[in-house]
Full PDB file with SEQRES, HELIX, SHEET, SSBOND, CRYST1, ORIGX, SCALE, CONECT and MASTER records, all heavy atoms in Angstrom:
SEQRES   1 A   40  VAL PRO TYR SER LYS LYS HIS HIS ILE MET CYS ASN SER          
SEQRES   2 A   40  LYS ASP LYS GLY LEU ASP VAL LYS LYS ASN CYS SER ALA          
SEQRES   3 A   40  GLY CYS LEU SER CYS GLY LEU CYS VAL ARG SER CYS PRO          
SEQRES   4 A   40  LYS                                                          
HELIX    1 AA1 GLY A   17  ASN A   23  1                                   7    
HELIX    2 AA2 LEU A   33  SER A   37  1                                   5    
CRYST1    1.000    1.000    1.000  90.00  90.00  90.00 P 1           1          
ORIGX1      1.000000  0.000000  0.000000        0.00000                         
ORIGX2      0.000000  1.000000  0.000000        0.00000                         
ORIGX3      0.000000  0.000000  1.000000        0.00000                         
SCALE1      1.000000  0.000000  0.000000        0.00000                         
SCALE2      0.000000  1.000000  0.000000        0.00000                         
SCALE3      0.000000  0.000000  1.000000        0.00000                         
ATOM      1  N   VAL A   1       0.748   9.894  13.326  1.00  0.00           N  
ATOM      2  CA  VAL A   1       1.660   9.143  14.168  1.00  0.00           C  
ATOM      3  C   VAL A   1       2.576  10.098  15.021  1.00  0.00           C  
ATOM      4  O   VAL A   1       2.787  11.224  14.532  1.00  0.00           O  
ATOM      5  CB  VAL A   1       2.512   8.164  13.368  1.00  0.00           C  
ATOM      6  CG1 VAL A   1       1.678   7.131  12.691  1.00  0.00           C  
ATOM      7  CG2 VAL A   1       3.379   8.930  12.358  1.00  0.00           C  
ATOM      8  N   PRO A   2       3.054   9.671  16.112  1.00  0.00           N  
ATOM      9  CA  PRO A   2       3.904  10.564  16.875  1.00  0.00           C  
ATOM     10  C   PRO A   2       5.247  10.840  16.093  1.00  0.00           C  
ATOM     11  O   PRO A   2       5.812   9.954  15.577  1.00  0.00           O  
ATOM     12  CB  PRO A   2       4.230   9.783  18.164  1.00  0.00           C  
ATOM     13  CG  PRO A   2       3.127   8.775  18.292  1.00  0.00           C  
ATOM     14  CD  PRO A   2       2.772   8.451  16.859  1.00  0.00           C  
ATOM     15  N   TYR A   3       5.618  12.128  16.098  1.00  0.00           N  
ATOM     16  CA  TYR A   3       6.814  12.507  15.366  1.00  0.00           C  
ATOM     17  C   TYR A   3       8.065  11.819  15.912  1.00  0.00           C  
ATOM     18  O   TYR A   3       8.986  11.520  15.108  1.00  0.00           O  
ATOM     19  CB  TYR A   3       7.010  14.044  15.552  1.00  0.00           C  
ATOM     20  CG  TYR A   3       8.280  14.601  14.960  1.00  0.00           C  
ATOM     21  CD1 TYR A   3       8.517  14.781  13.614  1.00  0.00           C  
ATOM     22  CD2 TYR A   3       9.322  14.912  15.897  1.00  0.00           C  
ATOM     23  CE1 TYR A   3       9.730  15.308  13.170  1.00  0.00           C  
ATOM     24  CE2 TYR A   3      10.538  15.395  15.349  1.00  0.00           C  
ATOM     25  CZ  TYR A   3      10.742  15.686  14.087  1.00  0.00           C  
ATOM     26  OH  TYR A   3      11.904  16.083  13.569  1.00  0.00           O  
ATOM     27  N   SER A   4       8.138  11.583  17.197  1.00  0.00           N  
ATOM     28  CA  SER A   4       9.304  11.032  17.747  1.00  0.00           C  
ATOM     29  C   SER A   4       9.536   9.523  17.446  1.00  0.00           C  
ATOM     30  O   SER A   4      10.609   8.933  17.661  1.00  0.00           O  
ATOM     31  CB  SER A   4       9.281  11.113  19.252  1.00  0.00           C  
ATOM     32  OG  SER A   4       8.221  10.504  19.879  1.00  0.00           O  
ATOM     33  N   LYS A   5       8.444   8.854  16.982  1.00  0.00           N  
ATOM     34  CA  LYS A   5       8.495   7.427  16.687  1.00  0.00           C  
ATOM     35  C   LYS A   5       9.022   7.275  15.258  1.00  0.00           C  
ATOM     36  O   LYS A   5       8.551   7.807  14.334  1.00  0.00           O  
ATOM     37  CB  LYS A   5       7.187   6.746  16.901  1.00  0.00           C  
ATOM     38  CG  LYS A   5       6.569   6.934  18.339  1.00  0.00           C  
ATOM     39  CD  LYS A   5       7.575   6.445  19.376  1.00  0.00           C  
ATOM     40  CE  LYS A   5       6.979   6.666  20.798  1.00  0.00           C  
ATOM     41  NZ  LYS A   5       7.952   6.298  21.845  1.00  0.00           N  
ATOM     42  N   LYS A   6      10.012   6.283  15.115  1.00  0.00           N  
ATOM     43  CA  LYS A   6      10.732   6.203  13.833  1.00  0.00           C  
ATOM     44  C   LYS A   6      10.362   4.843  13.029  1.00  0.00           C  
ATOM     45  O   LYS A   6      10.830   4.711  11.925  1.00  0.00           O  
ATOM     46  CB  LYS A   6      12.205   6.183  14.054  1.00  0.00           C  
ATOM     47  CG  LYS A   6      12.635   7.485  14.841  1.00  0.00           C  
ATOM     48  CD  LYS A   6      12.293   8.736  14.082  1.00  0.00           C  
ATOM     49  CE  LYS A   6      12.714   9.965  14.832  1.00  0.00           C  
ATOM     50  NZ  LYS A   6      12.198  11.230  14.249  1.00  0.00           N  
ATOM     51  N   HIS A   7       9.557   4.002  13.649  1.00  0.00           N  
ATOM     52  CA  HIS A   7       9.206   2.798  12.973  1.00  0.00           C  
ATOM     53  C   HIS A   7       7.748   2.589  12.779  1.00  0.00           C  
ATOM     54  O   HIS A   7       6.974   2.716  13.773  1.00  0.00           O  
ATOM     55  CB  HIS A   7       9.815   1.579  13.760  1.00  0.00           C  
ATOM     56  CG  HIS A   7      11.322   1.704  13.874  1.00  0.00           C  
ATOM     57  ND1 HIS A   7      11.956   2.231  15.002  1.00  0.00           N  
ATOM     58  CD2 HIS A   7      12.337   1.295  13.032  1.00  0.00           C  
ATOM     59  CE1 HIS A   7      13.242   2.192  14.879  1.00  0.00           C  
ATOM     60  NE2 HIS A   7      13.519   1.628  13.679  1.00  0.00           N  
ATOM     61  N   HIS A   8       7.331   2.329  11.557  1.00  0.00           N  
ATOM     62  CA  HIS A   8       5.876   2.231  11.301  1.00  0.00           C  
ATOM     63  C   HIS A   8       5.558   1.072  10.357  1.00  0.00           C  
ATOM     64  O   HIS A   8       6.490   0.655   9.578  1.00  0.00           O  
ATOM     65  CB  HIS A   8       5.433   3.577  10.571  1.00  0.00           C  
ATOM     66  CG  HIS A   8       5.907   4.792  11.367  1.00  0.00           C  
ATOM     67  ND1 HIS A   8       5.268   5.239  12.516  1.00  0.00           N  
ATOM     68  CD2 HIS A   8       6.876   5.706  11.114  1.00  0.00           C  
ATOM     69  CE1 HIS A   8       5.836   6.335  12.977  1.00  0.00           C  
ATOM     70  NE2 HIS A   8       6.831   6.657  12.064  1.00  0.00           N  
ATOM     71  N   ILE A   9       4.464   0.514  10.471  1.00  0.00           N  
ATOM     72  CA  ILE A   9       3.939  -0.518   9.579  1.00  0.00           C  
ATOM     73  C   ILE A   9       3.487   0.108   8.300  1.00  0.00           C  
ATOM     74  O   ILE A   9       2.410   0.722   8.244  1.00  0.00           O  
ATOM     75  CB  ILE A   9       2.736  -1.396  10.146  1.00  0.00           C  
ATOM     76  CG1 ILE A   9       3.091  -1.755  11.662  1.00  0.00           C  
ATOM     77  CG2 ILE A   9       2.471  -2.540   9.344  1.00  0.00           C  
ATOM     78  CD1 ILE A   9       4.290  -2.750  11.693  1.00  0.00           C  
ATOM     79  N   MET A  10       4.261   0.004   7.259  1.00  0.00           N  
ATOM     80  CA  MET A  10       3.934   0.700   5.987  1.00  0.00           C  
ATOM     81  C   MET A  10       3.114  -0.195   5.045  1.00  0.00           C  
ATOM     82  O   MET A  10       3.514  -0.403   3.930  1.00  0.00           O  
ATOM     83  CB  MET A  10       5.276   1.149   5.327  1.00  0.00           C  
ATOM     84  CG  MET A  10       6.187   1.970   6.201  1.00  0.00           C  
ATOM     85  SD  MET A  10       5.427   3.594   6.521  1.00  0.00           S  
ATOM     86  CE  MET A  10       5.838   4.393   4.964  1.00  0.00           C  
ATOM     87  N   CYS A  11       2.045  -0.683   5.523  1.00  0.00           N  
ATOM     88  CA  CYS A  11       1.162  -1.524   4.753  1.00  0.00           C  
ATOM     89  C   CYS A  11      -0.250  -1.329   5.278  1.00  0.00           C  
ATOM     90  O   CYS A  11      -0.429  -1.246   6.559  1.00  0.00           O  
ATOM     91  CB  CYS A  11       1.613  -2.982   4.745  1.00  0.00           C  
ATOM     92  SG  CYS A  11       0.541  -4.027   3.746  1.00  0.00           S  
ATOM     93  N   ASN A  12      -1.234  -1.283   4.420  1.00  0.00           N  
ATOM     94  CA  ASN A  12      -2.671  -1.149   4.819  1.00  0.00           C  
ATOM     95  C   ASN A  12      -3.513  -2.304   4.361  1.00  0.00           C  
ATOM     96  O   ASN A  12      -4.786  -2.282   4.537  1.00  0.00           O  
ATOM     97  CB  ASN A  12      -3.164   0.148   4.184  1.00  0.00           C  
ATOM     98  CG  ASN A  12      -4.528   0.544   4.730  1.00  0.00           C  
ATOM     99  OD1 ASN A  12      -4.680   0.630   5.879  1.00  0.00           O  
ATOM    100  ND2 ASN A  12      -5.415   0.858   3.790  1.00  0.00           N  
ATOM    101  N   SER A  13      -2.920  -3.326   3.767  1.00  0.00           N  
ATOM    102  CA  SER A  13      -3.650  -4.396   3.154  1.00  0.00           C  
ATOM    103  C   SER A  13      -4.302  -5.265   4.309  1.00  0.00           C  
ATOM    104  O   SER A  13      -3.685  -5.565   5.273  1.00  0.00           O  
ATOM    105  CB  SER A  13      -2.774  -5.300   2.289  1.00  0.00           C  
ATOM    106  OG  SER A  13      -3.507  -6.426   1.845  1.00  0.00           O  
ATOM    107  N   LYS A  14      -5.524  -5.667   4.009  1.00  0.00           N  
ATOM    108  CA  LYS A  14      -6.273  -6.538   4.948  1.00  0.00           C  
ATOM    109  C   LYS A  14      -6.237  -8.014   4.506  1.00  0.00           C  
ATOM    110  O   LYS A  14      -6.756  -8.896   5.141  1.00  0.00           O  
ATOM    111  CB  LYS A  14      -7.698  -6.107   5.132  1.00  0.00           C  
ATOM    112  CG  LYS A  14      -7.899  -4.584   5.423  1.00  0.00           C  
ATOM    113  CD  LYS A  14      -7.185  -4.219   6.847  1.00  0.00           C  
ATOM    114  CE  LYS A  14      -7.566  -2.869   7.200  1.00  0.00           C  
ATOM    115  NZ  LYS A  14      -6.969  -1.762   6.319  1.00  0.00           N  
ATOM    116  N   ASP A  15      -5.562  -8.227   3.356  1.00  0.00           N  
ATOM    117  CA  ASP A  15      -5.432  -9.591   2.793  1.00  0.00           C  
ATOM    118  C   ASP A  15      -4.427 -10.408   3.601  1.00  0.00           C  
ATOM    119  O   ASP A  15      -3.652  -9.915   4.365  1.00  0.00           O  
ATOM    120  CB  ASP A  15      -4.985  -9.477   1.335  1.00  0.00           C  
ATOM    121  CG  ASP A  15      -6.101  -8.931   0.392  1.00  0.00           C  
ATOM    122  OD1 ASP A  15      -7.271  -8.959   0.772  1.00  0.00           O  
ATOM    123  OD2 ASP A  15      -5.717  -8.318  -0.618  1.00  0.00           O  
ATOM    124  N   LYS A  16      -4.457 -11.722   3.334  1.00  0.00           N  
ATOM    125  CA  LYS A  16      -3.533 -12.562   3.978  1.00  0.00           C  
ATOM    126  C   LYS A  16      -2.160 -12.512   3.241  1.00  0.00           C  
ATOM    127  O   LYS A  16      -2.088 -12.021   2.166  1.00  0.00           O  
ATOM    128  CB  LYS A  16      -4.036 -14.087   3.780  1.00  0.00           C  
ATOM    129  CG  LYS A  16      -5.276 -14.383   4.705  1.00  0.00           C  
ATOM    130  CD  LYS A  16      -5.721 -15.799   4.612  1.00  0.00           C  
ATOM    131  CE  LYS A  16      -6.994 -15.987   5.420  1.00  0.00           C  
ATOM    132  NZ  LYS A  16      -7.490 -17.390   5.334  1.00  0.00           N  
ATOM    133  N   GLY A  17      -1.124 -12.957   3.964  1.00  0.00           N  
ATOM    134  CA  GLY A  17       0.198 -12.681   3.446  1.00  0.00           C  
ATOM    135  C   GLY A  17       0.503 -13.094   2.001  1.00  0.00           C  
ATOM    136  O   GLY A  17       1.143 -12.423   1.300  1.00  0.00           O  
ATOM    137  N   LEU A  18       0.088 -14.400   1.693  1.00  0.00           N  
ATOM    138  CA  LEU A  18       0.360 -14.863   0.319  1.00  0.00           C  
ATOM    139  C   LEU A  18      -0.305 -14.025  -0.741  1.00  0.00           C  
ATOM    140  O   LEU A  18       0.280 -13.806  -1.820  1.00  0.00           O  
ATOM    141  CB  LEU A  18      -0.021 -16.326   0.198  1.00  0.00           C  
ATOM    142  CG  LEU A  18       0.844 -17.331   1.048  1.00  0.00           C  
ATOM    143  CD1 LEU A  18       0.289 -18.708   0.862  1.00  0.00           C  
ATOM    144  CD2 LEU A  18       2.291 -17.255   0.576  1.00  0.00           C  
ATOM    145  N   ASP A  19      -1.521 -13.563  -0.463  1.00  0.00           N  
ATOM    146  CA  ASP A  19      -2.284 -12.763  -1.433  1.00  0.00           C  
ATOM    147  C   ASP A  19      -1.686 -11.379  -1.502  1.00  0.00           C  
ATOM    148  O   ASP A  19      -1.667 -10.759  -2.636  1.00  0.00           O  
ATOM    149  CB  ASP A  19      -3.725 -12.557  -1.005  1.00  0.00           C  
ATOM    150  CG  ASP A  19      -4.513 -13.909  -0.992  1.00  0.00           C  
ATOM    151  OD1 ASP A  19      -4.231 -14.799  -1.945  1.00  0.00           O  
ATOM    152  OD2 ASP A  19      -5.359 -14.133  -0.185  1.00  0.00           O  
ATOM    153  N   VAL A  20      -1.087 -10.920  -0.413  1.00  0.00           N  
ATOM    154  CA  VAL A  20      -0.405  -9.513  -0.381  1.00  0.00           C  
ATOM    155  C   VAL A  20       0.829  -9.676  -1.290  1.00  0.00           C  
ATOM    156  O   VAL A  20       1.048  -8.738  -2.071  1.00  0.00           O  
ATOM    157  CB  VAL A  20      -0.063  -9.151   1.068  1.00  0.00           C  
ATOM    158  CG1 VAL A  20       0.789  -7.881   1.080  1.00  0.00           C  
ATOM    159  CG2 VAL A  20      -1.307  -8.930   1.849  1.00  0.00           C  
ATOM    160  N   LYS A  21       1.573 -10.716  -1.100  1.00  0.00           N  
ATOM    161  CA  LYS A  21       2.797 -10.881  -1.778  1.00  0.00           C  
ATOM    162  C   LYS A  21       2.657 -10.898  -3.335  1.00  0.00           C  
ATOM    163  O   LYS A  21       3.480 -10.521  -4.113  1.00  0.00           O  
ATOM    164  CB  LYS A  21       3.534 -12.158  -1.364  1.00  0.00           C  
ATOM    165  CG  LYS A  21       5.009 -12.195  -1.830  1.00  0.00           C  
ATOM    166  CD  LYS A  21       5.737 -13.414  -1.218  1.00  0.00           C  
ATOM    167  CE  LYS A  21       7.185 -13.477  -1.662  1.00  0.00           C  
ATOM    168  NZ  LYS A  21       7.862 -14.599  -1.054  1.00  0.00           N  
ATOM    169  N   LYS A  22       1.519 -11.444  -3.845  1.00  0.00           N  
ATOM    170  CA  LYS A  22       1.194 -11.534  -5.251  1.00  0.00           C  
ATOM    171  C   LYS A  22       1.076 -10.109  -5.773  1.00  0.00           C  
ATOM    172  O   LYS A  22       1.378  -9.895  -6.986  1.00  0.00           O  
ATOM    173  CB  LYS A  22      -0.128 -12.273  -5.465  1.00  0.00           C  
ATOM    174  CG  LYS A  22      -0.079 -13.727  -5.103  1.00  0.00           C  
ATOM    175  CD  LYS A  22      -1.420 -14.422  -5.347  1.00  0.00           C  
ATOM    176  CE  LYS A  22      -1.442 -15.864  -4.940  1.00  0.00           C  
ATOM    177  NZ  LYS A  22      -2.827 -16.439  -5.066  1.00  0.00           N  
ATOM    178  N   ASN A  23       0.626  -9.158  -5.017  1.00  0.00           N  
ATOM    179  CA  ASN A  23       0.349  -7.834  -5.513  1.00  0.00           C  
ATOM    180  C   ASN A  23       1.426  -6.790  -5.160  1.00  0.00           C  
ATOM    181  O   ASN A  23       1.458  -5.762  -5.862  1.00  0.00           O  
ATOM    182  CB  ASN A  23      -1.022  -7.363  -5.026  1.00  0.00           C  
ATOM    183  CG  ASN A  23      -2.162  -8.144  -5.536  1.00  0.00           C  
ATOM    184  OD1 ASN A  23      -2.205  -8.380  -6.745  1.00  0.00           O  
ATOM    185  ND2 ASN A  23      -3.056  -8.572  -4.626  1.00  0.00           N  
ATOM    186  N   CYS A  24       2.205  -7.060  -4.169  1.00  0.00           N  
ATOM    187  CA  CYS A  24       3.175  -6.063  -3.713  1.00  0.00           C  
ATOM    188  C   CYS A  24       4.314  -6.732  -2.870  1.00  0.00           C  
ATOM    189  O   CYS A  24       4.138  -7.373  -1.896  1.00  0.00           O  
ATOM    190  CB  CYS A  24       2.504  -4.972  -2.812  1.00  0.00           C  
ATOM    191  SG  CYS A  24       3.638  -3.711  -2.276  1.00  0.00           S  
ATOM    192  N   SER A  25       5.544  -6.511  -3.442  1.00  0.00           N  
ATOM    193  CA  SER A  25       6.705  -7.152  -2.772  1.00  0.00           C  
ATOM    194  C   SER A  25       7.055  -6.431  -1.400  1.00  0.00           C  
ATOM    195  O   SER A  25       7.856  -7.017  -0.665  1.00  0.00           O  
ATOM    196  CB  SER A  25       7.896  -7.036  -3.628  1.00  0.00           C  
ATOM    197  OG  SER A  25       8.228  -5.691  -3.960  1.00  0.00           O  
ATOM    198  N   ALA A  26       6.442  -5.305  -1.163  1.00  0.00           N  
ATOM    199  CA  ALA A  26       6.721  -4.591   0.134  1.00  0.00           C  
ATOM    200  C   ALA A  26       5.599  -4.764   1.141  1.00  0.00           C  
ATOM    201  O   ALA A  26       5.619  -4.162   2.251  1.00  0.00           O  
ATOM    202  CB  ALA A  26       6.992  -3.123  -0.123  1.00  0.00           C  
ATOM    203  N   GLY A  27       4.580  -5.559   0.794  1.00  0.00           N  
ATOM    204  CA  GLY A  27       3.387  -5.715   1.677  1.00  0.00           C  
ATOM    205  C   GLY A  27       3.673  -6.663   2.852  1.00  0.00           C  
ATOM    206  O   GLY A  27       4.581  -7.464   2.829  1.00  0.00           O  
ATOM    207  N   CYS A  28       2.912  -6.492   3.871  1.00  0.00           N  
ATOM    208  CA  CYS A  28       3.013  -7.254   5.107  1.00  0.00           C  
ATOM    209  C   CYS A  28       2.645  -8.662   4.804  1.00  0.00           C  
ATOM    210  O   CYS A  28       1.536  -8.969   4.247  1.00  0.00           O  
ATOM    211  CB  CYS A  28       2.158  -6.689   6.183  1.00  0.00           C  
ATOM    212  SG  CYS A  28       2.220  -7.668   7.736  1.00  0.00           S  
ATOM    213  N   LEU A  29       3.470  -9.660   5.248  1.00  0.00           N  
ATOM    214  CA  LEU A  29       3.181 -11.116   5.093  1.00  0.00           C  
ATOM    215  C   LEU A  29       2.441 -11.687   6.228  1.00  0.00           C  
ATOM    216  O   LEU A  29       2.192 -12.931   6.168  1.00  0.00           O  
ATOM    217  CB  LEU A  29       4.573 -11.798   4.917  1.00  0.00           C  
ATOM    218  CG  LEU A  29       5.517 -11.310   3.720  1.00  0.00           C  
ATOM    219  CD1 LEU A  29       6.822 -12.067   3.762  1.00  0.00           C  
ATOM    220  CD2 LEU A  29       4.738 -11.517   2.424  1.00  0.00           C  
ATOM    221  N   SER A  30       2.044 -10.932   7.180  1.00  0.00           N  
ATOM    222  CA  SER A  30       1.347 -11.392   8.358  1.00  0.00           C  
ATOM    223  C   SER A  30       2.070 -12.575   9.169  1.00  0.00           C  
ATOM    224  O   SER A  30       1.419 -13.452   9.713  1.00  0.00           O  
ATOM    225  CB  SER A  30      -0.086 -11.972   7.906  1.00  0.00           C  
ATOM    226  OG  SER A  30      -0.802 -10.998   7.207  1.00  0.00           O  
ATOM    227  N   CYS A  31       3.388 -12.487   9.084  1.00  0.00           N  
ATOM    228  CA  CYS A  31       4.196 -13.559   9.704  1.00  0.00           C  
ATOM    229  C   CYS A  31       4.274 -13.487  11.152  1.00  0.00           C  
ATOM    230  O   CYS A  31       4.594 -14.493  11.911  1.00  0.00           O  
ATOM    231  CB  CYS A  31       5.543 -13.622   9.027  1.00  0.00           C  
ATOM    232  SG  CYS A  31       6.498 -12.182   9.367  1.00  0.00           S  
ATOM    233  N   GLY A  32       4.140 -12.276  11.719  1.00  0.00           N  
ATOM    234  CA  GLY A  32       4.139 -12.056  13.132  1.00  0.00           C  
ATOM    235  C   GLY A  32       5.519 -11.992  13.767  1.00  0.00           C  
ATOM    236  O   GLY A  32       5.656 -11.951  14.996  1.00  0.00           O  
ATOM    237  N   LEU A  33       6.585 -11.983  12.932  1.00  0.00           N  
ATOM    238  CA  LEU A  33       7.917 -11.882  13.443  1.00  0.00           C  
ATOM    239  C   LEU A  33       8.178 -10.574  14.240  1.00  0.00           C  
ATOM    240  O   LEU A  33       8.866 -10.563  15.194  1.00  0.00           O  
ATOM    241  CB  LEU A  33       9.027 -12.011  12.332  1.00  0.00           C  
ATOM    242  CG  LEU A  33       9.294 -13.368  11.761  1.00  0.00           C  
ATOM    243  CD1 LEU A  33      10.201 -13.331  10.567  1.00  0.00           C  
ATOM    244  CD2 LEU A  33       9.915 -14.201  12.900  1.00  0.00           C  
ATOM    245  N   CYS A  34       7.577  -9.488  13.773  1.00  0.00           N  
ATOM    246  CA  CYS A  34       7.686  -8.204  14.459  1.00  0.00           C  
ATOM    247  C   CYS A  34       7.055  -8.348  15.862  1.00  0.00           C  
ATOM    248  O   CYS A  34       7.601  -7.668  16.822  1.00  0.00           O  
ATOM    249  CB  CYS A  34       7.064  -7.145  13.684  1.00  0.00           C  
ATOM    250  SG  CYS A  34       5.339  -7.393  13.246  1.00  0.00           S  
ATOM    251  N   VAL A  35       5.931  -8.937  15.936  1.00  0.00           N  
ATOM    252  CA  VAL A  35       5.247  -9.110  17.178  1.00  0.00           C  
ATOM    253  C   VAL A  35       6.111  -9.861  18.240  1.00  0.00           C  
ATOM    254  O   VAL A  35       6.314  -9.515  19.413  1.00  0.00           O  
ATOM    255  CB  VAL A  35       3.913  -9.808  17.063  1.00  0.00           C  
ATOM    256  CG1 VAL A  35       3.237 -10.048  18.389  1.00  0.00           C  
ATOM    257  CG2 VAL A  35       2.988  -9.032  16.159  1.00  0.00           C  
ATOM    258  N   ARG A  36       6.669 -11.043  17.727  1.00  0.00           N  
ATOM    259  CA  ARG A  36       7.519 -11.851  18.616  1.00  0.00           C  
ATOM    260  C   ARG A  36       8.868 -11.298  18.980  1.00  0.00           C  
ATOM    261  O   ARG A  36       9.410 -11.556  20.015  1.00  0.00           O  
ATOM    262  CB  ARG A  36       7.676 -13.209  17.973  1.00  0.00           C  
ATOM    263  CG  ARG A  36       6.343 -14.013  17.811  1.00  0.00           C  
ATOM    264  CD  ARG A  36       6.578 -15.379  17.361  1.00  0.00           C  
ATOM    265  NE  ARG A  36       7.204 -15.602  16.040  1.00  0.00           N  
ATOM    266  CZ  ARG A  36       6.487 -15.608  14.978  1.00  0.00           C  
ATOM    267  NH1 ARG A  36       5.176 -15.481  14.950  1.00  0.00           N  
ATOM    268  NH2 ARG A  36       7.045 -15.757  13.756  1.00  0.00           N  
ATOM    269  N   SER A  37       9.362 -10.386  18.103  1.00  0.00           N  
ATOM    270  CA  SER A  37      10.666  -9.880  18.373  1.00  0.00           C  
ATOM    271  C   SER A  37      10.651  -8.536  19.257  1.00  0.00           C  
ATOM    272  O   SER A  37      11.733  -8.113  19.722  1.00  0.00           O  
ATOM    273  CB  SER A  37      11.335  -9.484  17.086  1.00  0.00           C  
ATOM    274  OG  SER A  37      10.646  -8.437  16.324  1.00  0.00           O  
ATOM    275  N   CYS A  38       9.475  -7.988  19.454  1.00  0.00           N  
ATOM    276  CA  CYS A  38       9.365  -6.700  20.199  1.00  0.00           C  
ATOM    277  C   CYS A  38       9.662  -6.899  21.668  1.00  0.00           C  
ATOM    278  O   CYS A  38       8.868  -7.592  22.344  1.00  0.00           O  
ATOM    279  CB  CYS A  38       8.082  -6.038  19.970  1.00  0.00           C  
ATOM    280  SG  CYS A  38       7.985  -4.507  20.817  1.00  0.00           S  
ATOM    281  N   PRO A  39      10.660  -6.364  22.304  1.00  0.00           N  
ATOM    282  CA  PRO A  39      10.983  -6.674  23.677  1.00  0.00           C  
ATOM    283  C   PRO A  39       9.988  -5.842  24.593  1.00  0.00           C  
ATOM    284  O   PRO A  39       9.912  -6.214  25.827  1.00  0.00           O  
ATOM    285  CB  PRO A  39      12.405  -6.049  23.795  1.00  0.00           C  
ATOM    286  CG  PRO A  39      12.490  -5.027  22.798  1.00  0.00           C  
ATOM    287  CD  PRO A  39      11.722  -5.582  21.603  1.00  0.00           C  
ATOM    288  N   LYS A  40       9.259  -4.929  24.119  1.00  0.00           N  
ATOM    289  CA  LYS A  40       8.382  -4.190  24.885  1.00  0.00           C  
ATOM    290  C   LYS A  40       6.893  -4.550  24.701  1.00  0.00           C  
ATOM    291  O   LYS A  40       5.960  -3.903  25.242  1.00  0.00           O  
ATOM    292  CB  LYS A  40       8.480  -2.574  24.601  1.00  0.00           C  
ATOM    293  CG  LYS A  40       9.892  -2.090  24.924  1.00  0.00           C  
ATOM    294  CD  LYS A  40      10.192  -2.193  26.367  1.00  0.00           C  
ATOM    295  CE  LYS A  40      11.612  -1.654  26.724  1.00  0.00           C  
ATOM    296  NZ  LYS A  40      11.877  -1.755  28.112  1.00  0.00           N  
TER     297      LYS A  40                                                      
MASTER        0    0    0    2    0    0    0    6  296    1    0    4          
END                                                                             
């Protein structure tokens, strides 16, 4: 990743959000809030 960029998706799971949550409390929930909140 570019050194100058400070925000990264720290999850590699291909499972759906609920399945991810069962195995890891820090996993991506696939909710899409990050997508909708990004101004760029």
